[in-house]
């Protein structure tokens, strides 16, 4: 059985990843980010990154090392995204497994306490990061509104986690959970 604290993000952004600022990273002494890809950086079926995401990556890389760690098995798709963003990547991570996250942190040469796992899913991204001991940041998913009328996986995870006692309250777009 999953212990509820393992599902509790350290920071709930209350918005998409492009609203995660260098100031927030400095506030929490974060020098490295492990980024989920699907619906954290790009909508699931998209192969191209937005100009806003490219600009965000260029700003964030001034204060933090970046790695893409995806459960997606498509090395071609994730590799293309990685190449455009100029960020190293790992596919087939099997999150909530910690193994590939640990591999990215080793490559960053940073202490675990200075690395955050950033993703849109509680039961993969947040759970994996918390199991490893990284700071965890939950972001709103990037979904293509023309393709998706609802987001059942996200809705189910939110419902289940709240039933388990996880607080997903957000205030002024950024909430620190202790």
N, C-alpha and C. Protein backbone atom coordinates (compact mmCIF):
# COMPACT_ATOMS: atom_id res chain seq x y z
N UNK A 1 0.84 -1.19 0.00
CA UNK A 1 0.00 0.00 0.00
C UNK A 1 0.88 1.25 0.00
N UNK A 2 0.48 2.24 -0.76
CA UNK A 2 1.22 3.50 -0.88
C UNK A 2 0.95 4.34 0.35
N UNK A 3 2.00 4.87 0.95
CA UNK A 3 1.83 5.80 2.05
C UNK A 3 1.53 7.17 1.48
N UNK A 4 0.53 7.85 2.04
CA UNK A 4 0.08 9.13 1.54
C UNK A 4 1.21 10.16 1.40
N UNK A 5 2.14 10.29 2.36
CA UNK A 5 3.20 11.30 2.18
C UNK A 5 3.99 11.13 0.89
N UNK A 6 4.06 9.94 0.36
CA UNK A 6 4.77 9.71 -0.89
C UNK A 6 4.06 10.33 -2.09
N UNK A 7 2.78 10.63 -1.94
CA UNK A 7 2.02 11.26 -3.03
C UNK A 7 1.95 12.77 -2.88
N UNK A 8 2.42 13.29 -1.75
CA UNK A 8 2.29 14.72 -1.48
C UNK A 8 3.42 15.50 -2.14
N UNK A 9 3.10 16.35 -3.14
CA UNK A 9 4.15 17.18 -3.74
C UNK A 9 4.67 18.21 -2.75
N UNK A 10 5.93 18.57 -2.88
CA UNK A 10 6.49 19.63 -2.04
C UNK A 10 6.00 20.99 -2.49
N UNK A 11 5.74 21.13 -3.79
CA UNK A 11 5.30 22.40 -4.34
C UNK A 11 4.23 22.13 -5.39
N UNK A 12 3.12 22.81 -5.28
CA UNK A 12 2.06 22.72 -6.27
C UNK A 12 2.05 24.04 -7.02
N UNK A 13 2.44 23.99 -8.27
CA UNK A 13 2.58 25.22 -9.03
C UNK A 13 1.24 25.85 -9.36
N UNK A 14 0.23 25.03 -9.62
CA UNK A 14 -1.08 25.57 -9.94
C UNK A 14 -1.16 26.12 -11.35
N UNK A 15 -0.18 25.79 -12.18
CA UNK A 15 -0.13 26.25 -13.55
C UNK A 15 0.81 25.33 -14.32
N UNK A 16 0.99 25.58 -15.61
CA UNK A 16 1.88 24.75 -16.41
C UNK A 16 3.34 25.06 -16.07
N UNK A 17 4.22 24.21 -16.53
CA UNK A 17 5.64 24.29 -16.20
C UNK A 17 6.27 25.62 -16.59
N UNK A 18 5.78 26.26 -17.64
CA UNK A 18 6.41 27.51 -18.08
C UNK A 18 6.21 28.65 -17.07
N UNK A 19 5.44 28.39 -16.02
CA UNK A 19 5.27 29.37 -14.95
C UNK A 19 6.20 29.11 -13.76
N UNK A 20 7.04 28.08 -13.88
CA UNK A 20 8.06 27.80 -12.88
C UNK A 20 9.23 28.73 -13.18
N UNK A 21 9.52 29.65 -12.25
CA UNK A 21 10.50 30.70 -12.52
C UNK A 21 11.85 30.42 -11.87
N UNK A 22 12.90 31.06 -12.36
CA UNK A 22 14.20 30.96 -11.70
C UNK A 22 14.13 31.41 -10.24
N UNK A 23 13.28 32.38 -9.95
CA UNK A 23 13.14 32.87 -8.56
C UNK A 23 12.60 31.78 -7.65
N UNK A 24 11.65 30.99 -8.15
CA UNK A 24 11.11 29.88 -7.35
C UNK A 24 12.21 28.86 -7.10
N UNK A 25 12.99 28.55 -8.11
CA UNK A 25 14.07 27.58 -7.94
C UNK A 25 15.08 28.08 -6.92
N UNK A 26 15.43 29.35 -6.99
CA UNK A 26 16.36 29.92 -6.02
C UNK A 26 15.78 29.89 -4.61
N UNK A 27 14.48 30.18 -4.49
CA UNK A 27 13.82 30.17 -3.18
C UNK A 27 13.97 28.81 -2.49
N UNK A 28 13.92 27.72 -3.26
CA UNK A 28 14.02 26.37 -2.69
C UNK A 28 15.41 25.75 -2.87
N UNK A 29 16.39 26.56 -3.28
CA UNK A 29 17.77 26.11 -3.47
C UNK A 29 17.87 24.91 -4.42
N UNK A 30 17.13 25.00 -5.52
CA UNK A 30 17.13 23.92 -6.51
C UNK A 30 18.08 24.28 -7.64
N UNK A 31 18.99 23.35 -7.94
CA UNK A 31 20.00 23.58 -8.97
C UNK A 31 19.88 22.58 -10.12
N UNK A 32 18.92 21.68 -10.01
CA UNK A 32 18.70 20.70 -11.07
C UNK A 32 17.23 20.34 -11.15
N UNK A 33 16.76 20.11 -12.39
CA UNK A 33 15.37 19.69 -12.62
C UNK A 33 15.34 18.45 -13.48
N UNK A 34 14.63 17.45 -13.02
CA UNK A 34 14.30 16.30 -13.84
C UNK A 34 12.89 16.57 -14.34
N UNK A 35 12.74 16.65 -15.64
CA UNK A 35 11.47 17.03 -16.25
C UNK A 35 10.80 15.85 -16.93
N UNK A 36 9.57 15.58 -16.55
CA UNK A 36 8.74 14.67 -17.30
C UNK A 36 8.49 15.34 -18.65
N UNK A 37 8.13 14.59 -19.67
CA UNK A 37 7.93 15.18 -20.99
C UNK A 37 6.44 15.24 -21.35
N UNK A 38 5.79 14.08 -21.45
CA UNK A 38 4.42 14.03 -21.92
C UNK A 38 3.47 14.74 -20.97
N UNK A 39 2.86 15.76 -21.48
CA UNK A 39 1.87 16.60 -20.81
C UNK A 39 2.46 17.47 -19.70
N UNK A 40 3.76 17.34 -19.45
CA UNK A 40 4.45 18.30 -18.59
C UNK A 40 5.08 19.38 -19.46
N UNK A 41 5.75 18.95 -20.53
CA UNK A 41 6.38 19.91 -21.45
C UNK A 41 5.60 20.10 -22.74
N UNK A 42 5.05 19.02 -23.25
CA UNK A 42 4.29 19.07 -24.51
C UNK A 42 3.06 18.18 -24.40
N UNK A 43 1.98 18.55 -25.10
CA UNK A 43 0.82 17.65 -25.13
C UNK A 43 1.23 16.27 -25.65
N UNK A 44 0.51 15.26 -25.25
CA UNK A 44 0.89 13.86 -25.49
C UNK A 44 1.21 13.54 -26.95
N UNK A 45 0.43 13.98 -27.88
CA UNK A 45 0.65 13.60 -29.28
C UNK A 45 1.46 14.63 -30.07
N UNK A 46 1.89 15.68 -29.42
CA UNK A 46 2.70 16.70 -30.10
C UNK A 46 4.14 16.22 -30.27
N UNK A 47 4.71 16.59 -31.40
CA UNK A 47 6.12 16.26 -31.65
C UNK A 47 6.99 17.49 -31.61
N UNK A 48 6.36 18.65 -31.63
CA UNK A 48 7.09 19.91 -31.64
C UNK A 48 6.91 20.64 -30.31
N UNK A 49 7.92 21.40 -29.94
CA UNK A 49 7.83 22.21 -28.72
C UNK A 49 7.39 23.62 -29.09
N UNK A 50 6.72 24.25 -28.16
CA UNK A 50 6.25 25.62 -28.42
C UNK A 50 7.39 26.61 -28.23
N UNK A 51 7.30 27.76 -28.90
CA UNK A 51 8.30 28.81 -28.69
C UNK A 51 8.36 29.24 -27.21
N UNK A 52 7.22 29.21 -26.53
CA UNK A 52 7.18 29.59 -25.11
C UNK A 52 7.99 28.61 -24.27
N UNK A 53 7.89 27.32 -24.61
CA UNK A 53 8.66 26.31 -23.88
C UNK A 53 10.15 26.49 -24.13
N UNK A 54 10.53 26.75 -25.38
CA UNK A 54 11.94 26.98 -25.69
C UNK A 54 12.49 28.18 -24.91
N UNK A 55 11.72 29.24 -24.84
CA UNK A 55 12.13 30.42 -24.08
C UNK A 55 12.26 30.09 -22.59
N UNK A 56 11.29 29.33 -22.06
CA UNK A 56 11.33 28.94 -20.65
C UNK A 56 12.59 28.13 -20.36
N UNK A 57 12.88 27.15 -21.22
CA UNK A 57 14.08 26.31 -21.02
C UNK A 57 15.33 27.18 -21.02
N UNK A 58 15.43 28.10 -21.94
CA UNK A 58 16.61 28.96 -22.00
C UNK A 58 16.76 29.81 -20.74
N UNK A 59 15.65 30.26 -20.15
CA UNK A 59 15.71 31.02 -18.89
C UNK A 59 16.08 30.13 -17.72
N UNK A 60 15.47 28.95 -17.63
CA UNK A 60 15.71 28.05 -16.49
C UNK A 60 17.13 27.49 -16.52
N UNK A 61 17.65 27.21 -17.69
CA UNK A 61 19.00 26.62 -17.75
C UNK A 61 20.08 27.58 -17.23
N UNK A 62 19.74 28.85 -17.05
CA UNK A 62 20.69 29.80 -16.47
C UNK A 62 20.91 29.53 -14.98
N UNK A 63 19.94 28.84 -14.34
CA UNK A 63 20.05 28.59 -12.89
C UNK A 63 20.00 27.12 -12.52
N UNK A 64 19.71 26.23 -13.49
CA UNK A 64 19.56 24.82 -13.14
C UNK A 64 19.98 23.90 -14.29
N UNK A 65 20.53 22.75 -13.92
CA UNK A 65 20.79 21.68 -14.90
C UNK A 65 19.46 21.01 -15.20
N UNK A 66 19.30 20.54 -16.43
CA UNK A 66 18.03 19.95 -16.85
C UNK A 66 18.24 18.57 -17.47
N UNK A 67 17.34 17.66 -17.15
CA UNK A 67 17.29 16.33 -17.76
C UNK A 67 15.85 16.00 -18.05
N UNK A 68 15.58 15.35 -19.17
CA UNK A 68 14.26 14.82 -19.48
C UNK A 68 14.26 13.34 -19.10
N UNK A 69 13.26 12.94 -18.29
CA UNK A 69 13.12 11.54 -17.93
C UNK A 69 11.67 11.17 -18.16
N UNK A 70 11.45 10.30 -19.15
CA UNK A 70 10.10 9.99 -19.60
C UNK A 70 9.80 8.50 -19.51
N UNK A 71 8.55 8.19 -19.19
CA UNK A 71 8.10 6.80 -19.27
C UNK A 71 7.86 6.39 -20.71
N UNK A 72 7.74 7.35 -21.60
CA UNK A 72 7.49 7.10 -23.00
C UNK A 72 8.61 6.23 -23.57
N UNK A 73 8.25 5.30 -24.42
CA UNK A 73 9.24 4.40 -25.01
C UNK A 73 9.76 4.89 -26.36
N UNK A 74 9.15 5.96 -26.87
CA UNK A 74 9.52 6.47 -28.19
C UNK A 74 10.79 7.31 -28.13
N UNK A 75 11.91 6.66 -28.38
CA UNK A 75 13.17 7.38 -28.42
C UNK A 75 13.20 8.42 -29.53
N UNK A 76 12.48 8.16 -30.62
CA UNK A 76 12.44 9.13 -31.72
C UNK A 76 11.74 10.41 -31.29
N UNK A 77 10.55 10.29 -30.70
CA UNK A 77 9.79 11.48 -30.30
C UNK A 77 10.50 12.25 -29.20
N UNK A 78 10.88 11.55 -28.14
CA UNK A 78 11.53 12.22 -27.00
C UNK A 78 12.89 12.75 -27.44
N UNK A 79 13.59 12.00 -28.30
CA UNK A 79 14.88 12.44 -28.81
C UNK A 79 14.78 13.73 -29.61
N UNK A 80 13.72 13.85 -30.42
CA UNK A 80 13.50 15.09 -31.19
C UNK A 80 13.27 16.27 -30.26
N UNK A 81 12.44 16.06 -29.25
CA UNK A 81 12.16 17.12 -28.28
C UNK A 81 13.45 17.49 -27.55
N UNK A 82 14.20 16.48 -27.16
CA UNK A 82 15.48 16.69 -26.47
C UNK A 82 16.45 17.50 -27.33
N UNK A 83 16.51 17.16 -28.60
CA UNK A 83 17.44 17.85 -29.51
C UNK A 83 17.07 19.33 -29.67
N UNK A 84 15.79 19.61 -29.85
CA UNK A 84 15.34 21.00 -29.99
C UNK A 84 15.65 21.80 -28.73
N UNK A 85 15.41 21.19 -27.57
CA UNK A 85 15.62 21.89 -26.30
C UNK A 85 17.07 21.82 -25.82
N UNK A 86 17.88 20.96 -26.46
CA UNK A 86 19.27 20.75 -26.07
C UNK A 86 19.36 20.31 -24.60
N UNK A 87 18.58 19.26 -24.28
CA UNK A 87 18.55 18.68 -22.94
C UNK A 87 18.76 17.18 -23.08
N UNK A 88 19.65 16.58 -22.30
CA UNK A 88 19.81 15.12 -22.34
C UNK A 88 18.52 14.43 -21.88
N UNK A 89 18.33 13.19 -22.34
CA UNK A 89 17.08 12.50 -22.01
C UNK A 89 17.27 11.02 -21.74
N UNK A 90 16.26 10.49 -21.05
CA UNK A 90 16.16 9.06 -20.77
C UNK A 90 14.72 8.67 -21.07
N UNK A 91 14.52 7.59 -21.83
CA UNK A 91 13.18 7.08 -22.10
C UNK A 91 12.97 5.77 -21.36
N UNK A 92 11.72 5.32 -21.29
CA UNK A 92 11.41 4.05 -20.64
C UNK A 92 11.75 4.04 -19.17
N UNK A 93 11.48 5.14 -18.48
CA UNK A 93 11.90 5.28 -17.08
C UNK A 93 11.12 4.40 -16.10
N UNK A 94 9.92 4.00 -16.48
CA UNK A 94 9.08 3.16 -15.61
C UNK A 94 8.80 3.83 -14.27
N UNK A 95 8.62 5.16 -14.26
CA UNK A 95 8.27 5.84 -13.02
C UNK A 95 6.96 5.26 -12.51
N UNK A 96 6.83 4.95 -11.26
CA UNK A 96 7.53 5.53 -10.12
C UNK A 96 8.84 4.86 -9.73
N UNK A 97 9.42 4.05 -10.61
CA UNK A 97 10.76 3.53 -10.34
C UNK A 97 11.73 4.69 -10.19
N UNK A 98 12.71 4.54 -9.32
CA UNK A 98 13.69 5.60 -9.04
C UNK A 98 14.95 5.49 -9.87
N UNK A 99 15.15 4.35 -10.51
CA UNK A 99 16.42 4.05 -11.15
C UNK A 99 16.86 5.09 -12.18
N UNK A 100 15.99 5.47 -13.09
CA UNK A 100 16.37 6.42 -14.14
C UNK A 100 16.50 7.84 -13.59
N UNK A 101 15.73 8.17 -12.56
CA UNK A 101 15.89 9.47 -11.91
C UNK A 101 17.27 9.55 -11.27
N UNK A 102 17.66 8.49 -10.60
CA UNK A 102 18.98 8.44 -9.96
C UNK A 102 20.08 8.58 -11.01
N UNK A 103 19.89 7.97 -12.17
CA UNK A 103 20.86 8.06 -13.26
C UNK A 103 21.01 9.52 -13.72
N UNK A 104 19.90 10.24 -13.86
CA UNK A 104 19.95 11.65 -14.27
C UNK A 104 20.65 12.50 -13.21
N UNK A 105 20.36 12.25 -11.95
CA UNK A 105 20.98 13.02 -10.86
C UNK A 105 22.48 12.77 -10.83
N UNK A 106 22.88 11.54 -11.05
CA UNK A 106 24.31 11.22 -11.09
C UNK A 106 24.99 12.01 -12.20
N UNK A 107 24.37 12.10 -13.35
CA UNK A 107 24.94 12.86 -14.46
C UNK A 107 25.00 14.36 -14.15
N UNK A 108 24.03 14.86 -13.37
CA UNK A 108 24.04 16.28 -13.00
C UNK A 108 25.13 16.61 -11.99
N UNK A 109 25.57 15.58 -11.24
CA UNK A 109 26.58 15.76 -10.19
C UNK A 109 26.10 16.76 -9.13
N UNK A 110 24.85 16.58 -8.72
CA UNK A 110 24.25 17.43 -7.68
C UNK A 110 23.74 16.55 -6.55
N UNK A 111 23.69 17.10 -5.33
CA UNK A 111 23.06 16.35 -4.25
C UNK A 111 21.55 16.23 -4.50
N UNK A 112 20.97 15.12 -4.11
CA UNK A 112 19.54 14.88 -4.31
C UNK A 112 18.71 16.04 -3.77
N UNK A 113 19.11 16.63 -2.65
CA UNK A 113 18.34 17.71 -2.02
C UNK A 113 18.25 18.96 -2.91
N UNK A 114 19.13 19.08 -3.90
CA UNK A 114 19.11 20.25 -4.77
C UNK A 114 18.46 19.97 -6.13
N UNK A 115 17.82 18.81 -6.24
CA UNK A 115 17.18 18.42 -7.50
C UNK A 115 15.68 18.26 -7.27
N UNK A 116 14.90 18.72 -8.24
CA UNK A 116 13.44 18.55 -8.19
C UNK A 116 12.98 17.68 -9.34
N UNK A 117 12.02 16.82 -9.04
CA UNK A 117 11.30 16.08 -10.07
C UNK A 117 10.08 16.91 -10.41
N UNK A 118 9.92 17.29 -11.67
CA UNK A 118 8.82 18.13 -12.11
C UNK A 118 7.93 17.34 -13.05
N UNK A 119 6.66 17.24 -12.70
CA UNK A 119 5.74 16.51 -13.57
C UNK A 119 4.29 16.83 -13.28
N UNK A 120 3.44 16.28 -14.12
CA UNK A 120 2.01 16.54 -14.01
C UNK A 120 1.24 15.40 -13.36
N UNK A 121 1.91 14.31 -13.00
CA UNK A 121 1.22 13.13 -12.48
C UNK A 121 1.68 12.80 -11.07
N UNK A 122 0.71 12.56 -10.21
CA UNK A 122 1.00 12.20 -8.82
C UNK A 122 1.56 10.79 -8.69
N UNK A 123 0.97 9.84 -9.42
CA UNK A 123 1.30 8.44 -9.21
C UNK A 123 2.52 7.98 -10.01
N UNK A 124 3.10 8.85 -10.79
CA UNK A 124 4.35 8.52 -11.48
C UNK A 124 5.43 9.52 -11.08
N UNK A 125 5.27 10.77 -11.46
CA UNK A 125 6.31 11.78 -11.26
C UNK A 125 6.53 12.12 -9.78
N UNK A 126 5.47 12.49 -9.09
CA UNK A 126 5.60 12.88 -7.68
C UNK A 126 6.01 11.67 -6.85
N UNK A 127 5.38 10.54 -7.08
CA UNK A 127 5.71 9.33 -6.32
C UNK A 127 7.17 8.93 -6.53
N UNK A 128 7.65 8.96 -7.77
CA UNK A 128 9.05 8.60 -8.04
C UNK A 128 10.00 9.57 -7.35
N UNK A 129 9.73 10.87 -7.49
CA UNK A 129 10.60 11.87 -6.85
C UNK A 129 10.62 11.75 -5.34
N UNK A 130 9.46 11.56 -4.75
CA UNK A 130 9.40 11.42 -3.28
C UNK A 130 10.07 10.14 -2.81
N UNK A 131 9.93 9.06 -3.56
CA UNK A 131 10.59 7.81 -3.19
C UNK A 131 12.11 7.96 -3.19
N UNK A 132 12.62 8.80 -4.10
CA UNK A 132 14.06 9.01 -4.19
C UNK A 132 14.56 10.06 -3.21
N UNK A 133 13.65 10.95 -2.78
CA UNK A 133 14.05 11.99 -1.84
C UNK A 133 14.31 13.33 -2.49
N UNK A 134 13.90 13.50 -3.76
CA UNK A 134 14.04 14.80 -4.40
C UNK A 134 12.90 15.71 -3.96
N UNK A 135 13.06 16.98 -4.22
CA UNK A 135 11.98 17.94 -4.09
C UNK A 135 11.02 17.62 -5.23
N UNK A 136 9.71 17.69 -4.98
CA UNK A 136 8.76 17.36 -6.04
C UNK A 136 7.87 18.55 -6.35
N UNK A 137 7.68 18.79 -7.65
CA UNK A 137 6.86 19.91 -8.11
C UNK A 137 5.78 19.36 -9.03
N UNK A 138 4.53 19.59 -8.64
CA UNK A 138 3.40 19.19 -9.45
C UNK A 138 2.95 20.37 -10.28
N UNK A 139 2.87 20.17 -11.59
CA UNK A 139 2.41 21.22 -12.51
C UNK A 139 1.11 20.77 -13.16
N UNK A 140 0.40 21.72 -13.69
CA UNK A 140 -0.81 21.40 -14.45
C UNK A 140 -0.38 20.81 -15.79
N UNK A 141 -1.13 19.84 -16.29
CA UNK A 141 -0.75 19.22 -17.57
C UNK A 141 -0.93 20.17 -18.75
N UNK A 142 -0.02 20.01 -19.72
CA UNK A 142 -0.16 20.72 -21.00
C UNK A 142 -0.94 19.79 -21.92
N UNK A 143 -2.17 20.14 -22.15
CA UNK A 143 -3.01 19.31 -23.02
C UNK A 143 -3.52 20.17 -24.16
N UNK A 144 -3.75 19.52 -25.26
CA UNK A 144 -4.31 20.20 -26.42
C UNK A 144 -5.83 20.22 -26.26
N UNK A 145 -6.42 21.40 -26.00
CA UNK A 145 -7.86 21.46 -25.76
C UNK A 145 -8.69 20.99 -26.95
N UNK A 146 -8.16 21.08 -28.16
CA UNK A 146 -8.89 20.61 -29.33
C UNK A 146 -8.95 19.09 -29.38
N UNK A 147 -7.98 18.43 -28.77
CA UNK A 147 -7.91 16.97 -28.80
C UNK A 147 -8.59 16.32 -27.61
N UNK A 148 -8.58 16.98 -26.46
CA UNK A 148 -9.06 16.36 -25.23
C UNK A 148 -10.17 17.20 -24.62
N UNK A 149 -11.32 16.59 -24.45
CA UNK A 149 -12.45 17.29 -23.83
C UNK A 149 -12.36 17.20 -22.30
N UNK A 150 -11.78 16.11 -21.81
CA UNK A 150 -11.59 15.95 -20.37
C UNK A 150 -10.26 15.24 -20.16
N UNK A 151 -9.84 15.19 -18.94
CA UNK A 151 -8.56 14.58 -18.62
C UNK A 151 -8.78 13.53 -17.54
N UNK A 152 -9.31 12.34 -17.92
CA UNK A 152 -9.75 11.36 -16.93
C UNK A 152 -8.65 10.83 -16.02
N UNK A 153 -7.44 10.61 -16.54
CA UNK A 153 -6.36 10.09 -15.68
C UNK A 153 -6.03 11.10 -14.59
N UNK A 154 -5.86 12.35 -14.98
CA UNK A 154 -5.56 13.41 -14.01
C UNK A 154 -6.70 13.54 -12.99
N UNK A 155 -7.92 13.56 -13.48
CA UNK A 155 -9.08 13.69 -12.59
C UNK A 155 -9.15 12.53 -11.61
N UNK A 156 -8.89 11.30 -12.08
CA UNK A 156 -8.91 10.14 -11.20
C UNK A 156 -7.80 10.23 -10.15
N UNK A 157 -6.60 10.60 -10.57
CA UNK A 157 -5.49 10.73 -9.62
C UNK A 157 -5.79 11.76 -8.55
N UNK A 158 -6.35 12.90 -8.95
CA UNK A 158 -6.69 13.94 -7.98
C UNK A 158 -7.74 13.41 -7.02
N UNK A 159 -8.79 12.78 -7.54
CA UNK A 159 -9.85 12.24 -6.69
C UNK A 159 -9.30 11.22 -5.71
N UNK A 160 -8.53 10.25 -6.20
CA UNK A 160 -8.00 9.20 -5.34
C UNK A 160 -7.03 9.76 -4.30
N UNK A 161 -6.16 10.65 -4.72
CA UNK A 161 -5.19 11.20 -3.77
C UNK A 161 -5.90 11.99 -2.67
N UNK A 162 -6.95 12.72 -3.01
CA UNK A 162 -7.70 13.45 -1.99
C UNK A 162 -8.40 12.49 -1.04
N UNK A 163 -8.89 11.37 -1.56
CA UNK A 163 -9.50 10.34 -0.70
C UNK A 163 -8.46 9.76 0.26
N UNK A 164 -7.20 9.73 -0.18
CA UNK A 164 -6.11 9.21 0.66
C UNK A 164 -5.55 10.27 1.61
N UNK A 165 -6.05 11.50 1.50
CA UNK A 165 -5.63 12.54 2.43
C UNK A 165 -4.55 13.48 1.93
N UNK A 166 -4.22 13.41 0.63
CA UNK A 166 -3.21 14.31 0.07
C UNK A 166 -3.85 15.68 -0.14
N UNK A 167 -3.16 16.73 0.28
CA UNK A 167 -3.65 18.08 0.09
C UNK A 167 -3.14 18.63 -1.23
N UNK A 168 -4.07 19.05 -2.07
CA UNK A 168 -3.69 19.64 -3.35
C UNK A 168 -4.15 21.09 -3.42
N UNK A 169 -4.30 21.69 -2.26
CA UNK A 169 -4.73 23.10 -2.20
C UNK A 169 -3.63 23.98 -2.75
N UNK A 170 -4.03 25.01 -3.47
CA UNK A 170 -3.05 25.95 -3.98
C UNK A 170 -3.51 27.37 -3.65
N UNK A 171 -2.52 28.22 -3.41
CA UNK A 171 -2.79 29.61 -3.08
C UNK A 171 -1.87 30.49 -3.90
N UNK A 172 -2.40 31.49 -4.55
CA UNK A 172 -1.62 32.42 -5.36
C UNK A 172 -0.68 31.69 -6.31
N UNK A 173 -1.18 30.63 -6.95
CA UNK A 173 -0.48 29.84 -7.94
C UNK A 173 0.68 28.99 -7.41
N UNK A 174 1.23 29.31 -6.24
CA UNK A 174 2.34 28.50 -5.70
C UNK A 174 2.04 28.20 -4.24
N UNK A 175 2.08 26.92 -3.90
CA UNK A 175 1.81 26.51 -2.53
C UNK A 175 2.92 25.59 -2.07
N UNK A 176 3.52 25.86 -0.95
CA UNK A 176 4.51 24.96 -0.35
C UNK A 176 3.78 24.09 0.64
N UNK A 177 3.90 22.79 0.50
CA UNK A 177 3.27 21.83 1.39
C UNK A 177 4.34 21.30 2.34
N UNK A 178 4.09 21.35 3.62
CA UNK A 178 5.05 20.80 4.61
C UNK A 178 4.61 19.43 5.07
